[in-house]
Amino acid sequence: MSESLGDAYPKEQARLRECLGRYQELRSMPGVNVSFALAAIEDVLRRADEAAISGDLPAMIRLYQEMQGCE
């Protein structure tokens, strides 16, 4: 059975928040530059939160796919 967007979307947001935490930890390592990755993940999470709050289903579908592409 396929998971609904209503179930999968917040799980994907949570996964990205975990990724964000790992990148923030890496930032403190000498010689490691993760600024771009941090900015990209923060941006997609901000837009995903805004779409969810506003109930913008087309944006949520696009952002769900975008979130799946982040690692």
Protein backbone atom coordinates (compact mmCIF):
# COMPACT_ATOMS: atom_id res chain seq x y z
CA MET A 1 0.00 0.00 0.00
CA SER A 2 1.34 3.40 -0.99
CA GLU A 3 1.73 6.07 1.65
CA SER A 4 -0.35 9.24 1.27
CA LEU A 5 1.30 12.63 0.85
CA GLY A 6 -0.23 13.61 4.19
CA ASP A 7 1.74 10.83 5.87
CA ALA A 8 4.92 10.94 3.77
CA TYR A 9 5.44 14.72 3.68
CA PRO A 10 6.09 15.25 7.42
CA LYS A 11 8.34 12.18 7.48
CA GLU A 12 10.40 13.66 4.66
CA GLN A 13 10.57 17.00 6.50
CA ALA A 14 11.81 15.17 9.61
CA ARG A 15 14.42 13.29 7.55
CA LEU A 16 15.72 16.58 6.16
CA ARG A 17 15.88 18.09 9.63
CA GLU A 18 18.08 15.16 10.66
CA CYS A 19 20.28 15.77 7.59
CA LEU A 20 20.49 19.43 8.53
CA GLY A 21 21.74 18.47 11.99
CA ARG A 22 24.43 16.22 10.52
CA TYR A 23 25.60 19.00 8.18
CA GLN A 24 25.68 21.43 11.12
CA GLU A 25 27.96 19.01 12.98
CA LEU A 26 30.26 18.76 9.94
CA ARG A 27 30.52 22.54 9.77
CA SER A 28 32.74 22.54 12.86
CA MET A 29 35.31 20.23 11.26
CA PRO A 30 38.44 21.93 9.89
CA GLY A 31 38.57 22.10 6.11
CA VAL A 32 34.93 21.07 5.64
CA ASN A 33 32.69 23.58 3.88
CA VAL A 34 29.03 22.65 3.97
CA SER A 35 27.63 26.16 3.68
CA PHE A 36 25.94 25.51 0.34
CA ALA A 37 24.32 22.26 1.53
CA LEU A 38 23.11 23.92 4.73
CA ALA A 39 21.60 26.84 2.82
CA ALA A 40 19.92 24.53 0.29
CA ILE A 41 18.37 22.28 2.94
CA GLU A 42 17.25 25.24 5.06
CA ASP A 43 15.64 26.77 1.97
CA VAL A 44 13.71 23.66 0.96
CA LEU A 45 12.56 23.11 4.55
CA ARG A 46 11.37 26.72 4.83
CA ARG A 47 9.41 26.40 1.59
CA ALA A 48 8.05 22.99 2.62
CA ASP A 49 6.85 24.39 5.95
CA GLU A 50 5.20 27.35 4.22
CA ALA A 51 3.43 25.09 1.70
CA ALA A 52 2.17 22.80 4.46
CA ILE A 53 0.92 25.70 6.58
CA SER A 54 -0.89 27.30 3.64
CA GLY A 55 -2.23 23.96 2.38
CA ASP A 56 -0.79 24.54 -1.11
CA LEU A 57 -1.10 21.00 -2.47
CA PRO A 58 0.63 21.55 -5.85
CA ALA A 59 3.60 23.16 -4.05
CA MET A 60 3.67 20.33 -1.51
CA ILE A 61 3.86 17.74 -4.30
CA ARG A 62 6.76 19.59 -5.97
CA LEU A 63 8.53 20.13 -2.66
CA TYR A 64 8.07 16.50 -1.61
CA GLN A 65 9.92 15.46 -4.75
CA GLU A 66 12.57 18.12 -4.11
CA MET A 67 13.02 16.94 -0.52
CA GLN A 68 13.50 13.36 -1.70
CA GLY A 69 16.43 14.56 -3.81
CA CYS A 70 18.25 16.05 -0.83
CA GLU A 71 20.85 14.00 1.01
